[in-house]
Amino acid sequence: MKVYTFLIKLQYAWLNACLSLFQQSLFGAVNRKATKILLVRKGNLGDIICSFPAFESIKKYFPSATIDLLTTHGTLSSMGASSVIPNSYFHKVFEFRSFTLKSLWSLLRKQQYDTVIELPADVETFGNQLRNMVFFRLAGIEMGGGWTVTRTNFLPKKQLKYFHFDNEQERLKKILNSCGIPSGVLSYPPLFTQEDLNNIQDRFTGMSSEKMVAIAVGAKLDKKKWPLSYVRAVVEYLHQHKYRVVAIGDEGDYHIVESLAIPAIANYCGKLTVAESAALLSLCTFTVCNDSGPMHLSYAVETPVYAIFSARNYPGKWNPPSDNKNKLFVNYNVPCAGCMNIPCDDNVCMKQITPEQVIQSIHITLHT
């Protein structure tokens, strides 16, 4: 074990030492006097929600700077950054897909940013980050930071067995610290308005006197979805205990929820904006969900989650915040653990998380 952990740690240290050397040769250190900052963060809804604590720290550290966001899913996607980022939170939000490489380079030069801070995706490779550094430096940006390798495919089974990784919020926190940007407790901006809350309350009668629980059956990958028969068992338990169950998700989840054939479920999949979904989640006692955008949205509005995870990724990577409110269910005792994006025909890791486990955890919470 010691040999494997030493080699893995050595590889991460070597890659990040090289990135640090390139960064120091191309850019000056991030300076608090920066006035125009390009913040780079790739990903979809869940990635952006996980980034808010880092965004908040950056905005606090540079209170007078103009900060723009460059992302992969911004204004062109109904589930992109603009769907969850409050109005005027950033000066501008740009999306990679809106530009050719040449037009993006021209835009960045025209904007005359003095600083770039990249919060690299967990899967961002060493080579991609070197490329990004060179691109932003050629675009005339003189100060920068954030480039860090935090996942590799080197000895993956050993990483799976011997390592537990920071979740996304903690990972980004450490990246900011490496840039000299302090980060405190996890905090999120308001993710819904009073109007959003009023719209939700108008859809229900007697909401203040009802106990509500949210379910979210969807996930980006099929291998991350808990079996529907298991979801049904949990919903039936909740109904027995007089909880009103509401379903949230995208349009594709609507028919999945309908297939459960439980009339008492209020199915709002595909019918709410992200902000309205956040408002609805804020009124719920807790959320039962897969590793998905709704999971991140739920804990971001301080609603506890019972989150069911597949064993596809390294342990800890996308976990909800570790506290006494959020509950995590995952089973790595399967031969295919760590399969990442390899197609899965069985979902054995998800099937081995039984509804009885989740129900027992809910029962303990409700009776303590």
Protein backbone atom coordinates (compact mmCIF):
# COMPACT_ATOMS: atom_id res chain seq x y z
CA MET A 1 0.00 0.00 0.00
CA LYS A 2 2.75 2.48 0.94
CA VAL A 3 4.48 2.02 -2.40
CA TYR A 4 1.27 2.66 -4.34
CA THR A 5 0.31 5.73 -2.34
CA PHE A 6 3.84 7.11 -2.65
CA LEU A 7 3.83 6.68 -6.46
CA ILE A 8 0.40 8.23 -6.84
CA LYS A 9 1.24 11.20 -4.63
CA LEU A 10 4.53 11.59 -6.50
CA GLN A 11 2.73 11.73 -9.83
CA TYR A 12 0.30 14.43 -8.64
CA ALA A 13 3.19 16.40 -7.12
CA TRP A 14 5.24 16.16 -10.32
CA LEU A 15 2.39 17.25 -12.60
CA ASN A 16 1.46 20.18 -10.40
CA ALA A 17 5.09 21.24 -9.97
CA CYS A 18 5.36 21.40 -13.76
CA LEU A 19 2.13 23.38 -14.03
CA SER A 20 3.36 25.76 -11.35
CA LEU A 21 6.64 26.27 -13.19
CA PHE A 22 4.86 27.06 -16.47
CA GLN A 23 2.43 29.35 -14.67
CA GLN A 24 5.24 31.31 -13.03
CA SER A 25 7.09 31.64 -16.33
CA LEU A 26 4.02 32.92 -18.19
CA PHE A 27 2.08 34.93 -15.61
CA GLY A 28 2.58 37.22 -12.69
CA ALA A 29 0.94 36.21 -9.42
CA VAL A 30 -2.71 37.03 -8.87
CA ASN A 31 -2.75 40.49 -7.33
CA ARG A 32 -5.48 41.99 -5.17
CA LYS A 33 -5.14 45.21 -7.18
CA ALA A 34 -6.61 43.47 -10.26
CA THR A 35 -9.32 45.54 -11.90
CA LYS A 36 -10.58 43.33 -14.74
CA ILE A 37 -10.73 39.58 -14.19
CA LEU A 38 -11.62 36.72 -16.48
CA LEU A 39 -12.92 33.78 -14.44
CA VAL A 40 -12.90 30.47 -16.31
CA ARG A 41 -15.14 27.65 -15.10
CA LYS A 42 -16.38 24.83 -17.33
CA GLY A 43 -19.38 22.63 -16.61
CA ASN A 44 -23.14 22.50 -16.39
CA LEU A 45 -25.67 23.23 -13.66
CA GLY A 46 -24.14 21.09 -10.91
CA ASP A 47 -20.61 22.36 -11.63
CA ILE A 48 -21.74 25.98 -11.38
CA ILE A 49 -23.61 25.41 -8.11
CA CYS A 50 -20.52 23.75 -6.63
CA SER A 51 -18.51 26.78 -7.75
CA PHE A 52 -20.56 29.38 -5.90
CA PRO A 53 -18.52 29.26 -2.67
CA ALA A 54 -15.40 29.91 -4.78
CA PHE A 55 -17.19 32.64 -6.75
CA GLU A 56 -18.25 34.28 -3.49
CA SER A 57 -14.67 34.24 -2.20
CA ILE A 58 -13.36 35.79 -5.43
CA LYS A 59 -15.98 38.54 -5.41
CA LYS A 60 -15.20 39.31 -1.78
CA TYR A 61 -11.45 39.42 -2.39
CA PHE A 62 -11.83 41.71 -5.44
CA PRO A 63 -14.77 43.92 -4.41
CA SER A 64 -14.06 46.66 -6.96
CA ALA A 65 -12.98 44.53 -9.92
CA THR A 66 -15.00 43.83 -13.03
CA ILE A 67 -15.39 40.03 -13.20
CA ASP A 68 -16.53 38.15 -16.31
CA LEU A 69 -17.23 34.42 -16.50
CA LEU A 70 -16.16 32.21 -19.41
CA THR A 71 -17.90 28.84 -19.30
CA THR A 72 -18.94 25.91 -21.48
CA HIS A 73 -22.68 26.08 -20.74
CA GLY A 74 -23.67 29.69 -20.31
CA THR A 75 -26.46 31.44 -22.15
CA LEU A 76 -27.21 28.85 -24.86
CA SER A 77 -28.46 26.12 -22.50
CA SER A 78 -31.60 26.13 -20.35
CA MET A 79 -29.55 24.33 -17.67
CA GLY A 80 -26.40 26.38 -18.09
CA ALA A 81 -24.70 28.98 -15.95
CA SER A 82 -27.19 31.76 -16.69
CA SER A 83 -30.06 29.58 -15.46
CA VAL A 84 -28.74 29.62 -11.91
CA ILE A 85 -26.44 32.67 -11.65
CA PRO A 86 -28.36 35.69 -10.27
CA ASN A 87 -28.75 38.72 -12.49
CA SER A 88 -25.77 41.09 -12.36
CA TYR A 89 -23.74 38.57 -10.35
CA PHE A 90 -21.03 38.77 -13.01
CA HIS A 91 -20.47 41.67 -15.36
CA LYS A 92 -20.72 39.36 -18.40
CA VAL A 93 -21.11 35.62 -19.02
CA PHE A 94 -19.45 34.26 -22.16
CA GLU A 95 -19.88 30.76 -23.56
CA PHE A 96 -17.12 28.89 -25.39
CA ARG A 97 -19.61 27.55 -27.94
CA SER A 98 -20.45 31.07 -29.10
CA PHE A 99 -16.97 31.58 -30.55
CA THR A 100 -14.39 30.11 -32.83
CA LEU A 101 -10.93 29.90 -31.30
CA LYS A 102 -9.85 32.94 -33.30
CA SER A 103 -12.89 35.03 -32.39
CA LEU A 104 -12.52 34.15 -28.71
CA TRP A 105 -8.85 35.17 -28.81
CA SER A 106 -9.83 38.47 -30.46
CA LEU A 107 -12.54 39.08 -27.85
CA LEU A 108 -10.20 38.49 -24.94
CA ARG A 109 -7.56 40.80 -26.37
CA LYS A 110 -10.19 43.48 -26.93
CA GLN A 111 -11.49 43.15 -23.35
CA GLN A 112 -7.97 43.80 -21.96
CA TYR A 113 -8.20 41.60 -18.88
CA ASP A 114 -5.34 42.01 -16.44
CA THR A 115 -6.00 38.70 -14.62
CA VAL A 116 -7.29 35.24 -15.46
CA ILE A 117 -8.34 32.77 -12.76
CA GLU A 118 -9.20 29.30 -13.98
CA LEU A 119 -11.09 26.89 -11.78
CA PRO A 120 -10.25 23.79 -13.83
CA ALA A 121 -12.76 20.99 -14.09
CA ASP A 122 -11.86 17.92 -12.08
CA VAL A 123 -11.28 16.01 -15.33
CA GLU A 124 -9.12 18.72 -16.93
CA THR A 125 -5.87 17.15 -18.08
CA PHE A 126 -2.32 18.39 -17.65
CA GLY A 127 -2.01 19.00 -21.42
CA ASN A 128 -5.27 20.95 -21.65
CA GLN A 129 -4.22 23.21 -18.84
CA LEU A 130 -0.88 23.96 -20.45
CA ARG A 131 -2.75 24.82 -23.65
CA ASN A 132 -5.10 27.12 -21.74
CA MET A 133 -2.21 28.94 -20.09
CA VAL A 134 -0.56 29.65 -23.42
CA PHE A 135 -3.86 30.75 -24.99
CA PHE A 136 -4.70 33.23 -22.24
CA ARG A 137 -1.16 34.61 -22.19
CA LEU A 138 -1.24 35.13 -25.96
CA ALA A 139 -4.54 36.95 -25.42
CA GLY A 140 -2.57 39.55 -23.47
CA ILE A 141 -3.46 38.58 -19.90
CA GLU A 142 -0.46 39.15 -17.64
CA MET A 143 -1.53 37.73 -14.27
CA GLY A 144 -3.12 34.34 -13.67
CA GLY A 145 -3.53 31.25 -11.57
CA GLY A 146 -5.60 28.24 -10.64
CA TRP A 147 -4.20 25.53 -12.91
CA THR A 148 -4.08 22.28 -10.95
CA VAL A 149 -4.35 18.56 -11.72
CA THR A 150 -6.61 16.82 -9.20
CA ARG A 151 -7.49 13.61 -11.02
CA THR A 152 -5.51 11.23 -13.19
CA ASN A 153 -5.93 7.71 -14.53
CA PHE A 154 -2.62 6.58 -13.07
CA LEU A 155 -3.14 3.34 -11.08
CA PRO A 156 -6.88 4.06 -10.90
CA LYS A 157 -7.80 0.96 -8.88
CA LYS A 158 -5.24 1.90 -6.26
CA GLN A 159 -6.52 5.46 -6.12
CA LEU A 160 -10.01 4.04 -5.68
CA LYS A 161 -8.86 1.78 -2.87
CA TYR A 162 -6.47 3.96 -0.90
CA PHE A 163 -7.55 7.56 -1.49
CA HIS A 164 -10.52 9.68 -0.48
CA PHE A 165 -10.68 12.94 -2.42
CA ASP A 166 -11.97 16.38 -1.52
CA ASN A 167 -15.44 17.17 -2.76
CA GLU A 168 -15.78 19.86 -5.39
CA GLN A 169 -16.27 22.78 -2.99
CA GLU A 170 -13.20 21.87 -0.96
CA ARG A 171 -11.14 21.21 -4.11
CA LEU A 172 -11.92 24.67 -5.47
CA LYS A 173 -11.26 26.20 -2.06
CA LYS A 174 -7.72 24.80 -2.12
CA ILE A 175 -7.19 26.10 -5.66
CA LEU A 176 -8.13 29.61 -4.53
CA ASN A 177 -5.81 29.33 -1.54
CA SER A 178 -2.97 28.47 -3.93
CA CYS A 179 -3.72 31.78 -5.69
CA GLY A 180 -3.53 33.67 -2.40
CA ILE A 181 -7.31 34.13 -2.26
CA PRO A 182 -8.69 33.28 1.19
CA SER A 183 -11.87 31.26 1.42
CA GLY A 184 -14.01 30.87 4.49
CA VAL A 185 -17.19 28.96 5.21
CA LEU A 186 -19.29 27.68 2.33
CA SER A 187 -21.72 30.35 1.21
CA TYR A 188 -24.10 30.74 -1.72
CA PRO A 189 -25.80 33.77 -3.22
CA PRO A 190 -29.61 33.89 -3.25
CA LEU A 191 -30.66 31.35 -5.88
CA PHE A 192 -34.28 32.46 -6.10
CA THR A 193 -36.25 35.67 -5.66
CA GLN A 194 -39.34 36.42 -3.62
CA GLU A 195 -41.27 36.34 -6.89
CA ASP A 196 -40.04 32.80 -7.55
CA LEU A 197 -41.12 31.79 -4.06
CA ASN A 198 -44.52 33.42 -4.53
CA ASN A 199 -44.97 31.56 -7.83
CA ILE A 200 -44.31 28.26 -6.05
CA GLN A 201 -46.57 29.03 -3.12
CA ASP A 202 -49.37 29.96 -5.50
CA ARG A 203 -49.24 26.43 -6.93
CA PHE A 204 -49.96 24.85 -3.56
CA THR A 205 -52.67 25.32 -0.99
CA GLY A 206 -52.00 24.97 2.69
CA MET A 207 -48.29 24.64 2.03
CA SER A 208 -47.32 26.01 5.43
CA SER A 209 -49.12 23.19 7.19
CA GLU A 210 -47.93 20.38 4.94
CA LYS A 211 -44.77 18.33 5.22
CA MET A 212 -43.03 18.14 1.85
CA VAL A 213 -40.20 16.00 0.51
CA ALA A 214 -38.61 16.34 -2.92
CA ILE A 215 -37.47 13.49 -5.12
CA ALA A 216 -35.19 13.77 -8.15
CA VAL A 217 -34.98 10.61 -10.25
CA GLY A 218 -32.74 11.98 -13.01
CA ALA A 219 -28.99 12.14 -13.53
CA LYS A 220 -26.65 13.04 -16.38
CA LEU A 221 -25.70 9.39 -16.89
CA ASP A 222 -27.99 6.36 -16.71
CA LYS A 223 -25.44 4.56 -14.55
CA LYS A 224 -26.00 7.20 -11.88
CA LYS A 225 -29.74 6.52 -11.60
CA TRP A 226 -31.21 4.55 -8.70
CA PRO A 227 -33.72 1.87 -9.81
CA LEU A 228 -37.26 3.23 -10.05
CA SER A 229 -38.65 0.35 -8.00
CA TYR A 230 -36.40 1.50 -5.16
CA VAL A 231 -37.64 5.06 -5.53
CA ARG A 232 -41.21 3.77 -5.38
CA ALA A 233 -40.53 2.01 -2.06
CA VAL A 234 -39.19 5.24 -0.52
CA VAL A 235 -42.14 7.28 -1.83
CA GLU A 236 -44.59 4.77 -0.37
CA TYR A 237 -42.84 5.03 3.01
CA LEU A 238 -43.08 8.82 2.88
CA HIS A 239 -46.79 8.67 2.03
CA GLN A 240 -47.37 6.39 4.99
CA HIS A 241 -45.84 9.09 7.17
CA LYS A 242 -48.05 11.82 5.70
CA TYR A 243 -45.38 13.55 3.64
CA ARG A 244 -46.30 15.25 0.39
CA VAL A 245 -43.85 14.24 -2.34
CA VAL A 246 -42.88 16.64 -5.14
CA ALA A 247 -40.69 15.65 -8.09
CA ILE A 248 -38.22 18.03 -9.71
CA GLY A 249 -35.95 17.61 -12.72
CA ASP A 250 -35.89 18.33 -16.43
CA GLU A 251 -38.41 17.48 -19.14
CA GLY A 252 -36.88 14.05 -19.68
CA ASP A 253 -37.61 13.14 -16.05
CA TYR A 254 -41.32 13.95 -16.32
CA HIS A 255 -42.34 10.69 -18.01
CA ILE A 256 -40.02 8.69 -15.75
CA VAL A 257 -41.87 10.01 -12.70
CA GLU A 258 -45.22 9.40 -14.41
CA SER A 259 -44.22 5.78 -15.01
CA LEU A 260 -44.19 5.27 -11.24
CA ALA A 261 -47.99 5.60 -11.46
CA ILE A 262 -48.28 7.18 -8.01
CA PRO A 263 -50.95 9.88 -8.37
CA ALA A 264 -50.04 11.56 -5.10
CA ILE A 265 -46.65 12.71 -6.48
CA ALA A 266 -46.76 16.33 -7.59
CA ASN A 267 -44.72 16.06 -10.79
CA TYR A 268 -42.99 19.36 -11.60
CA CYS A 269 -40.21 17.94 -13.77
CA GLY A 270 -39.66 20.25 -16.73
CA LYS A 271 -42.28 22.72 -15.48
CA LEU A 272 -40.14 24.98 -13.32
CA THR A 273 -37.21 27.28 -13.91
CA VAL A 274 -34.05 26.51 -11.99
CA ALA A 275 -34.83 29.40 -9.64
CA GLU A 276 -38.37 28.12 -9.04
CA SER A 277 -36.95 24.64 -8.39
CA ALA A 278 -34.62 26.17 -5.81
CA ALA A 279 -37.56 27.95 -4.18
CA LEU A 280 -39.53 24.71 -4.04
CA LEU A 281 -36.59 22.80 -2.59
CA SER A 282 -36.17 25.45 0.10
CA LEU A 283 -39.65 24.57 1.38
CA CYS A 284 -38.98 20.83 1.56
CA THR A 285 -37.89 18.89 4.62
CA PHE A 286 -35.29 16.99 2.59
CA THR A 287 -34.56 15.67 -0.91
CA VAL A 288 -34.05 12.07 -2.03
CA CYS A 289 -31.91 12.18 -5.16
CA ASN A 290 -29.16 10.76 -7.31
CA ASP A 291 -25.81 12.48 -7.81
CA SER A 292 -27.25 15.27 -9.96
CA GLY A 293 -27.90 18.99 -10.38
CA PRO A 294 -30.97 18.88 -8.09
CA MET A 295 -28.79 17.38 -5.36
CA HIS A 296 -26.41 20.35 -5.49
CA LEU A 297 -29.31 22.79 -5.78
CA SER A 298 -30.97 21.28 -2.71
CA TYR A 299 -28.12 21.61 -0.24
CA ALA A 300 -27.28 25.04 -1.68
CA VAL A 301 -30.67 26.27 -0.38
CA GLU A 302 -30.01 24.49 2.95
CA THR A 303 -32.34 21.55 2.34
CA PRO A 304 -30.69 18.27 3.43
CA VAL A 305 -30.16 15.53 0.85
CA TYR A 306 -30.33 11.76 0.92
CA ALA A 307 -27.97 11.29 -2.00
CA ILE A 308 -27.52 7.96 -3.79
CA PHE A 309 -24.16 7.71 -5.59
CA SER A 310 -22.82 5.26 -8.12
CA ALA A 311 -19.31 3.85 -7.70
CA ARG A 312 -18.12 5.19 -11.07
CA ASN A 313 -15.90 7.96 -9.70
CA TYR A 314 -13.15 8.20 -7.11
CA PRO A 315 -14.50 8.39 -3.53
CA GLY A 316 -15.54 11.85 -2.36
CA LYS A 317 -15.32 13.70 -5.66
CA TRP A 318 -18.88 15.08 -5.90
CA ASN A 319 -20.13 14.42 -2.39
CA PRO A 320 -22.47 16.93 -0.76
CA PRO A 321 -20.94 18.97 2.06
CA SER A 322 -19.94 16.79 5.00
CA ASP A 323 -22.22 17.71 7.86
CA ASN A 324 -24.83 16.09 10.03
CA LYS A 325 -27.64 17.06 7.67
CA ASN A 326 -26.67 15.42 4.38
CA LYS A 327 -26.66 11.63 4.03
CA LEU A 328 -24.63 9.75 1.42
CA PHE A 329 -25.23 6.23 0.12
CA VAL A 330 -22.57 4.54 -2.03
CA ASN A 331 -21.21 1.01 -2.46
CA TYR A 332 -17.67 0.54 -3.78
CA ASN A 333 -17.68 -3.20 -3.09
CA VAL A 334 -18.25 -4.13 -6.72
CA PRO A 335 -15.59 -5.32 -9.20
CA CYS A 336 -16.40 -2.55 -11.69
CA ALA A 337 -15.99 0.35 -9.23
CA GLY A 338 -14.15 3.28 -10.77
CA CYS A 339 -15.58 2.62 -14.24
CA MET A 340 -15.85 6.36 -14.95
CA ASN A 341 -17.70 6.78 -18.27
CA ILE A 342 -17.55 3.19 -19.51
CA PRO A 343 -21.12 2.18 -20.53
CA CYS A 344 -22.93 0.11 -17.93
CA ASP A 345 -25.70 -2.40 -18.62
CA ASP A 346 -26.41 -3.43 -15.05
CA ASN A 347 -25.96 -0.56 -12.54
CA VAL A 348 -24.93 -3.16 -9.99
CA CYS A 349 -23.45 -0.57 -7.63
CA MET A 350 -26.74 1.32 -7.53
CA LYS A 351 -28.84 -1.83 -7.14
CA GLN A 352 -26.84 -2.82 -4.07
CA ILE A 353 -27.98 0.34 -2.27
CA THR A 354 -31.33 -0.94 -1.06
CA PRO A 355 -34.42 1.17 -0.37
CA GLU A 356 -34.41 -0.27 3.14
CA GLN A 357 -31.04 1.42 3.79
CA VAL A 358 -32.38 4.80 2.73
CA ILE A 359 -35.70 4.33 4.55
CA GLN A 360 -33.90 3.32 7.74
CA SER A 361 -31.76 6.47 7.58
CA ILE A 362 -34.83 8.63 6.98
CA HIS A 363 -36.66 6.89 9.82
CA ILE A 364 -33.81 7.59 12.25
CA THR A 365 -33.74 11.25 11.21
CA LEU A 366 -37.50 11.69 11.56
CA HIS A 367 -37.56 10.13 15.01
CA THR A 368 -34.59 11.85 16.64
